[in-house]
PDB file of all heavy atoms in Angstrom:
ATOM      1  N   THR A   1     108.496 152.520  97.837  1.00  0.00           N
ATOM      2  CA  THR A   1     108.804 151.136  98.208  1.00  0.00           C
ATOM      3  C   THR A   1     110.255 150.836  97.860  1.00  0.00           C
ATOM      4  O   THR A   1     110.810 151.387  96.893  1.00  0.00           O
ATOM      5  CB  THR A   1     107.868 150.145  97.499  1.00  0.00           C
ATOM      6  OG1 THR A   1     108.106 148.821  97.975  1.00  0.00           O
ATOM      7  CG2 THR A   1     108.080 150.165  95.991  1.00  0.00           C
ATOM      8  N   ASP A   2     110.866 149.984  98.652  1.00  0.00           N
ATOM      9  CA  ASP A   2     112.248 149.563  98.413  1.00  0.00           C
ATOM     10  C   ASP A   2     112.234 148.060  98.125  1.00  0.00           C
ATOM     11  O   ASP A   2     112.291 147.242  99.039  1.00  0.00           O
ATOM     12  CB  ASP A   2     113.114 149.875  99.637  1.00  0.00           C
ATOM     13  CG  ASP A   2     114.543 149.383  99.462  1.00  0.00           C
ATOM     14  OD1 ASP A   2     114.976 149.210  98.304  1.00  0.00           O
ATOM     15  OD2 ASP A   2     115.217 149.143 100.487  1.00  0.00           O
ATOM     16  N   VAL A   3     112.117 147.704  96.855  1.00  0.00           N
ATOM     17  CA  VAL A   3     111.957 146.308  96.443  1.00  0.00           C
ATOM     18  C   VAL A   3     113.003 145.977  95.387  1.00  0.00           C
ATOM     19  O   VAL A   3     113.249 146.764  94.465  1.00  0.00           O
ATOM     20  CB  VAL A   3     110.539 146.059  95.887  1.00  0.00           C
ATOM     21  CG1 VAL A   3     110.427 144.653  95.325  1.00  0.00           C
ATOM     22  CG2 VAL A   3     109.508 146.251  96.985  1.00  0.00           C
ATOM     23  N   ARG A   4     113.596 144.806  95.534  1.00  0.00           N
ATOM     24  CA  ARG A   4     114.511 144.291  94.508  1.00  0.00           C
ATOM     25  C   ARG A   4     113.695 143.444  93.539  1.00  0.00           C
ATOM     26  O   ARG A   4     112.961 142.539  93.950  1.00  0.00           O
ATOM     27  CB  ARG A   4     115.578 143.435  95.192  1.00  0.00           C
ATOM     28  CG  ARG A   4     116.836 142.980  94.422  1.00  0.00           C
ATOM     29  CD  ARG A   4     117.192 142.622  93.427  1.00  0.00           C
ATOM     30  NE  ARG A   4     118.460 142.335  92.868  1.00  0.00           N
ATOM     31  CZ  ARG A   4     119.551 141.821  93.424  1.00  0.00           C
ATOM     32  NH1 ARG A   4     119.620 141.579  94.708  1.00  0.00           N
ATOM     33  NH2 ARG A   4     120.597 141.546  92.691  1.00  0.00           N
ATOM     34  N   ILE A   5     113.783 143.737  92.236  1.00  0.00           N
ATOM     35  CA  ILE A   5     112.982 143.034  91.235  1.00  0.00           C
ATOM     36  C   ILE A   5     113.860 142.072  90.444  1.00  0.00           C
ATOM     37  O   ILE A   5     114.901 142.455  89.890  1.00  0.00           O
ATOM     38  CB  ILE A   5     112.300 144.024  90.264  1.00  0.00           C
ATOM     39  CG1 ILE A   5     111.294 144.897  91.019  1.00  0.00           C
ATOM     40  CG2 ILE A   5     111.592 143.277  89.136  1.00  0.00           C
ATOM     41  CD1 ILE A   5     110.628 145.946  90.153  1.00  0.00           C
ATOM     42  N   VAL A   6     113.435 140.805  90.441  1.00  0.00           N
ATOM     43  CA  VAL A   6     114.035 139.796  89.563  1.00  0.00           C
ATOM     44  C   VAL A   6     112.915 139.300  88.657  1.00  0.00           C
ATOM     45  O   VAL A   6     111.870 138.863  89.149  1.00  0.00           O
ATOM     46  CB  VAL A   6     114.640 138.629  90.364  1.00  0.00           C
ATOM     47  CG1 VAL A   6     115.262 137.613  89.409  1.00  0.00           C
ATOM     48  CG2 VAL A   6     115.673 139.129  91.354  1.00  0.00           C
ATOM     49  N   ALA A   7     113.108 139.413  87.357  1.00  0.00           N
ATOM     50  CA  ALA A   7     112.073 139.018  86.390  1.00  0.00           C
ATOM     51  C   ALA A   7     112.554 137.830  85.571  1.00  0.00           C
ATOM     52  O   ALA A   7     113.759 137.569  85.468  1.00  0.00           O
ATOM     53  CB  ALA A   7     111.728 140.190  85.475  1.00  0.00           C
ATOM     54  N   ALA A   8     111.591 137.116  85.016  1.00  0.00           N
ATOM     55  CA  ALA A   8     111.919 135.971  84.155  1.00  0.00           C
ATOM     56  C   ALA A   8     110.938 135.914  83.015  1.00  0.00           C
ATOM     57  O   ALA A   8     109.777 136.311  83.148  1.00  0.00           O
ATOM     58  CB  ALA A   8     111.884 134.663  84.953  1.00  0.00           C
ATOM     59  N   THR A   9     111.393 135.409  81.874  1.00  0.00           N
ATOM     60  CA  THR A   9     110.517 135.276  80.716  1.00  0.00           C
ATOM     61  C   THR A   9     111.066 134.226  79.764  1.00  0.00           C
ATOM     62  O   THR A   9     112.272 133.997  79.704  1.00  0.00           O
ATOM     63  CB  THR A   9     110.374 136.619  79.975  1.00  0.00           C
ATOM     64  OG1 THR A   9     109.466 136.470  78.883  1.00  0.00           O
ATOM     65  CG2 THR A   9     111.713 137.099  79.424  1.00  0.00           C
ATOM     66  N   ASN A  10     110.138 133.588  79.039  1.00  0.00           N
ATOM     67  CA  ASN A  10     110.542 132.699  77.952  1.00  0.00           C
ATOM     68  C   ASN A  10     110.203 133.306  76.600  1.00  0.00           C
ATOM     69  O   ASN A  10     110.300 132.660  75.569  1.00  0.00           O
ATOM     70  CB  ASN A  10     109.859 131.323  78.087  1.00  0.00           C
ATOM     71  CG  ASN A  10     108.345 131.427  78.044  1.00  0.00           C
ATOM     72  OD1 ASN A  10     107.788 132.515  77.923  1.00  0.00           O
ATOM     73  ND2 ASN A  10     107.668 130.304  78.135  1.00  0.00           N
ATOM     74  N   VAL A  11     109.787 134.580  76.624  1.00  0.00           N
ATOM     75  CA  VAL A  11     109.422 135.299  75.404  1.00  0.00           C
ATOM     76  C   VAL A  11     110.678 135.860  74.744  1.00  0.00           C
ATOM     77  O   VAL A  11     111.621 136.273  75.427  1.00  0.00           O
ATOM     78  CB  VAL A  11     108.436 136.450  75.732  1.00  0.00           C
ATOM     79  CG1 VAL A  11     108.160 137.317  74.507  1.00  0.00           C
ATOM     80  CG2 VAL A  11     107.135 135.887  76.284  1.00  0.00           C
ATOM     81  N   ASN A  12     110.691 135.868  73.409  1.00  0.00           N
ATOM     82  CA  ASN A  12     111.766 136.535  72.672  1.00  0.00           C
ATOM     83  C   ASN A  12     111.555 138.037  72.805  1.00  0.00           C
ATOM     84  O   ASN A  12     110.703 138.622  72.146  1.00  0.00           O
ATOM     85  CB  ASN A  12     111.735 136.112  71.200  1.00  0.00           C
ATOM     86  CG  ASN A  12     112.896 136.673  70.409  1.00  0.00           C
ATOM     87  OD1 ASN A  12     113.390 137.767  70.676  1.00  0.00           O
ATOM     88  ND2 ASN A  12     113.348 135.924  69.416  1.00  0.00           N
ATOM     89  N   MET A  13     112.313 138.671  73.687  1.00  0.00           N
ATOM     90  CA  MET A  13     112.067 140.069  74.019  1.00  0.00           C
ATOM     91  C   MET A  13     112.318 141.013  72.849  1.00  0.00           C
ATOM     92  O   MET A  13     111.615 142.015  72.683  1.00  0.00           O
ATOM     93  CB  MET A  13     112.937 140.476  75.216  1.00  0.00           C
ATOM     94  CG  MET A  13     112.628 139.691  76.485  1.00  0.00           C
ATOM     95  SD  MET A  13     110.896 139.834  76.984  1.00  0.00           S
ATOM     96  CE  MET A  13     110.871 141.472  77.679  1.00  0.00           C
ATOM     97  N   ALA A  14     113.317 140.707  72.034  1.00  0.00           N
ATOM     98  CA  ALA A  14     113.582 141.564  70.870  1.00  0.00           C
ATOM     99  C   ALA A  14     112.385 141.571  69.935  1.00  0.00           C
ATOM    100  O   ALA A  14     111.991 142.622  69.398  1.00  0.00           O
ATOM    101  CB  ALA A  14     114.836 141.074  70.139  1.00  0.00           C
ATOM    102  N   GLU A  15     111.786 140.393  69.724  1.00  0.00           N
ATOM    103  CA  GLU A  15     110.606 140.307  68.862  1.00  0.00           C
ATOM    104  C   GLU A  15     109.412 141.011  69.494  1.00  0.00           C
ATOM    105  O   GLU A  15     108.653 141.698  68.815  1.00  0.00           O
ATOM    106  CB  GLU A  15     110.270 138.833  68.602  1.00  0.00           C
ATOM    107  CG  GLU A  15     109.102 138.628  67.664  1.00  0.00           C
ATOM    108  CD  GLU A  15     108.821 137.158  67.414  1.00  0.00           C
ATOM    109  OE1 GLU A  15     109.700 136.324  67.730  1.00  0.00           O
ATOM    110  OE2 GLU A  15     107.727 136.837  66.928  1.00  0.00           O
ATOM    111  N   ALA A  16     109.227 140.840  70.818  1.00  0.00           N
ATOM    112  CA  ALA A  16     108.115 141.489  71.515  1.00  0.00           C
ATOM    113  C   ALA A  16     108.238 143.009  71.451  1.00  0.00           C
ATOM    114  O   ALA A  16     107.240 143.722  71.278  1.00  0.00           O
ATOM    115  CB  ALA A  16     108.068 141.021  72.966  1.00  0.00           C
ATOM    116  N   ILE A  17     109.461 143.525  71.558  1.00  0.00           N
ATOM    117  CA  ILE A  17     109.684 144.973  71.466  1.00  0.00           C
ATOM    118  C   ILE A  17     109.382 145.469  70.061  1.00  0.00           C
ATOM    119  O   ILE A  17     108.724 146.499  69.874  1.00  0.00           O
ATOM    120  CB  ILE A  17     111.130 145.312  71.873  1.00  0.00           C
ATOM    121  CG1 ILE A  17     111.335 145.065  73.370  1.00  0.00           C
ATOM    122  CG2 ILE A  17     111.469 146.757  71.529  1.00  0.00           C
ATOM    123  CD1 ILE A  17     112.776 145.138  73.815  1.00  0.00           C
ATOM    124  N   SER A  18     109.834 144.731  69.041  1.00  0.00           N
ATOM    125  CA  SER A  18     109.612 145.156  67.655  1.00  0.00           C
ATOM    126  C   SER A  18     108.127 145.165  67.293  1.00  0.00           C
ATOM    127  O   SER A  18     107.688 145.955  66.463  1.00  0.00           O
ATOM    128  CB  SER A  18     110.375 144.245  66.686  1.00  0.00           C
ATOM    129  OG  SER A  18     109.850 142.924  66.731  1.00  0.00           O
ATOM    130  N   LYS A  19     107.345 144.291  67.928  1.00  0.00           N
ATOM    131  CA  LYS A  19     105.899 144.231  67.661  1.00  0.00           C
ATOM    132  C   LYS A  19     105.091 145.129  68.585  1.00  0.00           C
ATOM    133  O   LYS A  19     103.863 145.138  68.525  1.00  0.00           O
ATOM    134  CB  LYS A  19     105.414 142.789  67.787  1.00  0.00           C
ATOM    135  CG  LYS A  19     105.953 141.875  66.702  1.00  0.00           C
ATOM    136  CD  LYS A  19     105.395 140.470  66.836  1.00  0.00           C
ATOM    137  CE  LYS A  19     105.895 139.573  65.699  1.00  0.00           C
ATOM    138  NZ  LYS A  19     105.376 138.206  65.807  1.00  0.00           N
ATOM    139  N   GLY A  20     105.765 145.874  69.455  1.00  0.00           N
ATOM    140  CA  GLY A  20     105.073 146.822  70.319  1.00  0.00           C
ATOM    141  C   GLY A  20     104.380 146.191  71.513  1.00  0.00           C
ATOM    142  O   GLY A  20     103.533 146.834  72.142  1.00  0.00           O
ATOM    143  N   ARG A  21     104.733 144.954  71.859  1.00  0.00           N
ATOM    144  CA  ARG A  21     104.095 144.287  72.985  1.00  0.00           C
ATOM    145  C   ARG A  21     104.861 144.512  74.297  1.00  0.00           C
ATOM    146  O   ARG A  21     104.340 144.194  75.362  1.00  0.00           O
ATOM    147  CB  ARG A  21     103.964 142.789  72.720  1.00  0.00           C
ATOM    148  CG  ARG A  21     103.063 142.432  71.555  1.00  0.00           C
ATOM    149  CD  ARG A  21     102.610 140.989  71.654  1.00  0.00           C
ATOM    150  NE  ARG A  21     103.735 140.076  71.705  1.00  0.00           N
ATOM    151  CZ  ARG A  21     104.221 139.422  70.647  1.00  0.00           C
ATOM    152  NH1 ARG A  21     103.659 139.591  69.453  1.00  0.00           N
ATOM    153  NH2 ARG A  21     105.248 138.597  70.770  1.00  0.00           N
ATOM    154  N   PHE A  22     106.091 145.021  74.210  1.00  0.00           N
ATOM    155  CA  PHE A  22     106.881 145.257  75.421  1.00  0.00           C
ATOM    156  C   PHE A  22     107.703 146.525  75.234  1.00  0.00           C
ATOM    157  O   PHE A  22     108.287 146.758  74.168  1.00  0.00           O
ATOM    158  CB  PHE A  22     107.798 144.064  75.708  1.00  0.00           C
ATOM    159  CG  PHE A  22     108.252 143.992  77.140  1.00  0.00           C
ATOM    160  CD1 PHE A  22     107.477 143.373  78.091  1.00  0.00           C
ATOM    161  CD2 PHE A  22     109.461 144.566  77.530  1.00  0.00           C
ATOM    162  CE1 PHE A  22     107.880 143.305  79.415  1.00  0.00           C
ATOM    163  CE2 PHE A  22     109.878 144.507  78.851  1.00  0.00           C
ATOM    164  CZ  PHE A  22     109.083 143.877  79.799  1.00  0.00           C
ATOM    165  N   ARG A  23     107.732 147.329  76.283  1.00  0.00           N
ATOM    166  CA  ARG A  23     108.447 148.614  76.221  1.00  0.00           C
ATOM    167  C   ARG A  23     109.956 148.382  76.239  1.00  0.00           C
ATOM    168  O   ARG A  23     110.480 147.640  77.079  1.00  0.00           O
ATOM    169  CB  ARG A  23     108.054 149.489  77.400  1.00  0.00           C
ATOM    170  CG  ARG A  23     106.605 149.955  77.375  1.00  0.00           C
ATOM    171  CD  ARG A  23     106.315 150.786  78.607  1.00  0.00           C
ATOM    172  NE  ARG A  23     107.159 151.972  78.639  1.00  0.00           N
ATOM    173  CZ  ARG A  23     106.794 153.175  78.194  1.00  0.00           C
ATOM    174  NH1 ARG A  23     105.578 153.335  77.667  1.00  0.00           N
ATOM    175  NH2 ARG A  23     107.606 154.203  78.256  1.00  0.00           N
ATOM    176  N   GLU A  24     110.626 149.054  75.322  1.00  0.00           N
ATOM    177  CA  GLU A  24     112.078 148.886  75.227  1.00  0.00           C
ATOM    178  C   GLU A  24     112.781 149.458  76.448  1.00  0.00           C
ATOM    179  O   GLU A  24     113.743 148.869  76.959  1.00  0.00           O
ATOM    180  CB  GLU A  24     112.584 149.559  73.952  1.00  0.00           C
ATOM    181  CG  GLU A  24     114.054 149.309  73.664  1.00  0.00           C
ATOM    182  CD  GLU A  24     114.487 149.849  72.317  1.00  0.00           C
ATOM    183  OE1 GLU A  24     113.702 150.598  71.696  1.00  0.00           O
ATOM    184  OE2 GLU A  24     115.616 149.532  71.889  1.00  0.00           O
ATOM    185  N   ASP A  25     112.298 150.613  76.953  1.00  0.00           N
ATOM    186  CA  ASP A  25     112.946 151.210  78.125  1.00  0.00           C
ATOM    187  C   ASP A  25     112.798 150.325  79.355  1.00  0.00           C
ATOM    188  O   ASP A  25     113.725 150.219  80.177  1.00  0.00           O
ATOM    189  CB  ASP A  25     112.397 152.612  78.395  1.00  0.00           C
ATOM    190  CG  ASP A  25     110.874 152.663  78.390  1.00  0.00           C
ATOM    191  OD1 ASP A  25     110.234 151.611  78.171  1.00  0.00           O
ATOM    192  OD2 ASP A  25     110.312 153.759  78.592  1.00  0.00           O
ATOM    193  N   LEU A  26     111.650 149.658  79.486  1.00  0.00           N
ATOM    194  CA  LEU A  26     111.469 148.744  80.613  1.00  0.00           C
ATOM    195  C   LEU A  26     112.390 147.530  80.487  1.00  0.00           C
ATOM    196  O   LEU A  26     112.941 147.048  81.489  1.00  0.00           O
ATOM    197  CB  LEU A  26     110.005 148.294  80.689  1.00  0.00           C
ATOM    198  CG  LEU A  26     109.667 147.264  81.776  1.00  0.00           C
ATOM    199  CD1 LEU A  26     110.023 147.800  83.154  1.00  0.00           C
ATOM    200  CD2 LEU A  26     108.200 146.874  81.715  1.00  0.00           C
ATOM    201  N   TYR A  27     112.565 147.050  79.271  1.00  0.00           N
ATOM    202  CA  TYR A  27     113.453 145.899  79.067  1.00  0.00           C
ATOM    203  C   TYR A  27     114.874 146.212  79.538  1.00  0.00           C
ATOM    204  O   TYR A  27     115.504 145.411  80.241  1.00  0.00           O
ATOM    205  CB  TYR A  27     113.467 145.509  77.591  1.00  0.00           C
ATOM    206  CG  TYR A  27     114.559 144.536  77.232  1.00  0.00           C
ATOM    207  CD1 TYR A  27     114.497 143.210  77.642  1.00  0.00           C
ATOM    208  CD2 TYR A  27     115.671 144.955  76.502  1.00  0.00           C
ATOM    209  CE1 TYR A  27     115.515 142.314  77.339  1.00  0.00           C
ATOM    210  CE2 TYR A  27     116.681 144.073  76.183  1.00  0.00           C
ATOM    211  CZ  TYR A  27     116.600 142.753  76.600  1.00  0.00           C
ATOM    212  OH  TYR A  27     117.614 141.880  76.296  1.00  0.00           O
ATOM    213  N   TYR A  28     115.372 147.400  79.183  1.00  0.00           N
ATOM    214  CA  TYR A  28     116.738 147.749  79.583  1.00  0.00           C
ATOM    215  C   TYR A  28     116.845 147.985  81.090  1.00  0.00           C
ATOM    216  O   TYR A  28     117.910 147.775  81.690  1.00  0.00           O
ATOM    217  CB  TYR A  28     117.217 148.973  78.809  1.00  0.00           C
ATOM    218  CG  TYR A  28     117.481 148.665  77.353  1.00  0.00           C
ATOM    219  CD1 TYR A  28     116.778 149.317  76.342  1.00  0.00           C
ATOM    220  CD2 TYR A  28     118.419 147.708  76.993  1.00  0.00           C
ATOM    221  CE1 TYR A  28     117.012 149.012  75.004  1.00  0.00           C
ATOM    222  CE2 TYR A  28     118.658 147.401  75.663  1.00  0.00           C
ATOM    223  CZ  TYR A  28     117.947 148.053  74.676  1.00  0.00           C
ATOM    224  OH  TYR A  28     118.168 147.751  73.357  1.00  0.00           O
ATOM    225  N   ARG A  29     115.761 148.425  81.723  1.00  0.00           N
ATOM    226  CA  ARG A  29     115.761 148.584  83.171  1.00  0.00           C
ATOM    227  C   ARG A  29     115.796 147.223  83.875  1.00  0.00           C
ATOM    228  O   ARG A  29     116.484 147.041  84.885  1.00  0.00           O
ATOM    229  CB  ARG A  29     114.512 149.345  83.612  1.00  0.00           C
ATOM    230  CG  ARG A  29     114.559 150.826  83.339  1.00  0.00           C
ATOM    231  CD  ARG A  29     115.422 151.530  84.361  1.00  0.00           C
ATOM    232  NE  ARG A  29     115.407 152.976  84.172  1.00  0.00           N
ATOM    233  CZ  ARG A  29     116.035 153.826  84.962  1.00  0.00           C
ATOM    234  NH1 ARG A  29     116.744 153.367  85.980  1.00  0.00           N
ATOM    235  NH2 ARG A  29     115.993 155.117  84.742  1.00  0.00           N
ATOM    236  N   LEU A  30     115.031 146.272  83.345  1.00  0.00           N
ATOM    237  CA  LEU A  30     114.965 144.953  83.964  1.00  0.00           C
ATOM    238  C   LEU A  30     116.235 144.135  83.731  1.00  0.00           C
ATOM    239  O   LEU A  30     116.643 143.356  84.584  1.00  0.00           O
ATOM    240  CB  LEU A  30     113.760 144.173  83.422  1.00  0.00           C
ATOM    241  CG  LEU A  30     112.368 144.622  83.871  1.00  0.00           C
ATOM    242  CD1 LEU A  30     111.298 143.857  83.096  1.00  0.00           C
ATOM    243  CD2 LEU A  30     112.185 144.402  85.369  1.00  0.00           C
ATOM    244  N   SER A  31     116.811 144.295  82.552  1.00  0.00           N
ATOM    245  CA  SER A  31     117.934 143.428  82.165  1.00  0.00           C
ATOM    246  C   SER A  31     119.285 144.080  82.407  1.00  0.00           C
ATOM    247  O   SER A  31     120.191 143.968  81.576  1.00  0.00           O
ATOM    248  CB  SER A  31     117.807 143.038  80.686  1.00  0.00           C
ATOM    249  OG  SER A  31     117.843 144.191  79.862  1.00  0.00           O
ATOM    250  N   THR A  32     119.428 144.773  83.547  1.00  0.00           N
ATOM    251  CA  THR A  32     120.744 145.308  83.899  1.00  0.00           C
ATOM    252  C   THR A  32     121.763 144.177  83.905  1.00  0.00           C
ATOM    253  O   THR A  32     122.882 144.307  83.410  1.00  0.00           O
ATOM    254  CB  THR A  32     120.690 145.985  85.285  1.00  0.00           C
ATOM    255  OG1 THR A  32     119.639 146.953  85.284  1.00  0.00           O
ATOM    256  CG2 THR A  32     122.013 146.646  85.608  1.00  0.00           C
ATOM    257  N   VAL A  33     121.344 143.041  84.473  1.00  0.00           N
ATOM    258  CA  VAL A  33     122.106 141.804  84.352  1.00  0.00           C
ATOM    259  C   VAL A  33     121.149 140.747  83.814  1.00  0.00           C
ATOM    260  O   VAL A  33     120.068 140.554  84.373  1.00  0.00           O
ATOM    261  CB  VAL A  33     122.683 141.347  85.707  1.00  0.00           C
ATOM    262  CG1 VAL A  33     123.308 139.959  85.568  1.00  0.00           C
ATOM    263  CG2 VAL A  33     123.709 142.350  86.213  1.00  0.00           C
ATOM    264  N   GLU A  34     121.529 140.100  82.742  1.00  0.00           N
ATOM    265  CA  GLU A  34     120.680 139.052  82.151  1.00  0.00           C
ATOM    266  C   GLU A  34     121.345 137.697  82.358  1.00  0.00           C
ATOM    267  O   GLU A  34     122.523 137.507  82.053  1.00  0.00           O
ATOM    268  CB  GLU A  34     120.462 139.309  80.657  1.00  0.00           C
ATOM    269  CG  GLU A  34     119.492 138.331  80.016  1.00  0.00           C
ATOM    270  CD  GLU A  34     119.062 138.757  78.608  1.00  0.00           C
ATOM    271  OE1 GLU A  34     119.066 139.980  78.326  1.00  0.00           O
ATOM    272  OE2 GLU A  34     118.730 137.875  77.797  1.00  0.00           O
ATOM    273  N   ILE A  35     120.567 136.763  82.886  1.00  0.00           N
ATOM    274  CA  ILE A  35     121.060 135.407  83.146  1.00  0.00           C
ATOM    275  C   ILE A  35     120.256 134.439  82.296  1.00  0.00           C
ATOM    276  O   ILE A  35     119.030 134.379  82.413  1.00  0.00           O
ATOM    277  CB  ILE A  35     120.934 135.043  84.639  1.00  0.00           C
ATOM    278  CG1 ILE A  35     121.776 136.005  85.486  1.00  0.00           C
ATOM    279  CG2 ILE A  35     121.352 133.610  84.882  1.00  0.00           C
ATOM    280  CD1 ILE A  35     121.619 135.796  86.982  1.00  0.00           C
ATOM    281  N   ASN A  36     120.944 133.696  81.441  1.00  0.00           N
ATOM    282  CA  ASN A  36     120.264 132.762  80.536  1.00  0.00           C
ATOM    283  C   ASN A  36     120.522 131.324  80.983  1.00  0.00           C
ATOM    284  O   ASN A  36     121.666 130.942  81.233  1.00  0.00           O
ATOM    285  CB  ASN A  36     120.742 132.954  79.102  1.00  0.00           C
ATOM    286  CG  ASN A  36     120.073 132.002  78.136  1.00  0.00           C
ATOM    287  OD1 ASN A  36     120.633 130.975  77.768  1.00  0.00           O
ATOM    288  ND2 ASN A  36     118.849 132.336  77.730  1.00  0.00           N
ATOM    289  N   LEU A  37     119.456 130.557  81.076  1.00  0.00           N
ATOM    290  CA  LEU A  37     119.577 129.141  81.434  1.00  0.00           C
ATOM    291  C   LEU A  37     119.457 128.296  80.173  1.00  0.00           C
ATOM    292  O   LEU A  37     118.526 128.497  79.371  1.00  0.00           O
ATOM    293  CB  LEU A  37     118.480 128.748  82.428  1.00  0.00           C
ATOM    294  CG  LEU A  37     118.651 129.283  83.849  1.00  0.00           C
ATOM    295  CD1 LEU A  37     117.462 128.902  84.710  1.00  0.00           C
ATOM    296  CD2 LEU A  37     119.938 128.766  84.478  1.00  0.00           C
ATOM    297  N   PRO A  38     120.362 127.354  79.957  1.00  0.00           N
ATOM    298  CA  PRO A  38     120.357 126.552  78.725  1.00  0.00           C
ATOM    299  C   PRO A  38     119.201 125.552  78.720  1.00  0.00           C
ATOM    300  O   PRO A  38     118.771 125.085  79.780  1.00  0.00           O
ATOM    301  CB  PRO A  38     121.707 125.829  78.766  1.00  0.00           C
ATOM    302  CG  PRO A  38     122.017 125.717  80.230  1.00  0.00           C
ATOM    303  CD  PRO A  38     121.468 126.958  80.864  1.00  0.00           C
TER     304      PRO A  38
END
């Protein structure tokens, strides 16, 4: 498949990674560019 993925979250990703709830390698794949809204 040829799909462009844009993801969003309100979770503290660093904390989720440290607790084993989110894969660190996936985080770096998703956050090639990170956009933060105030």
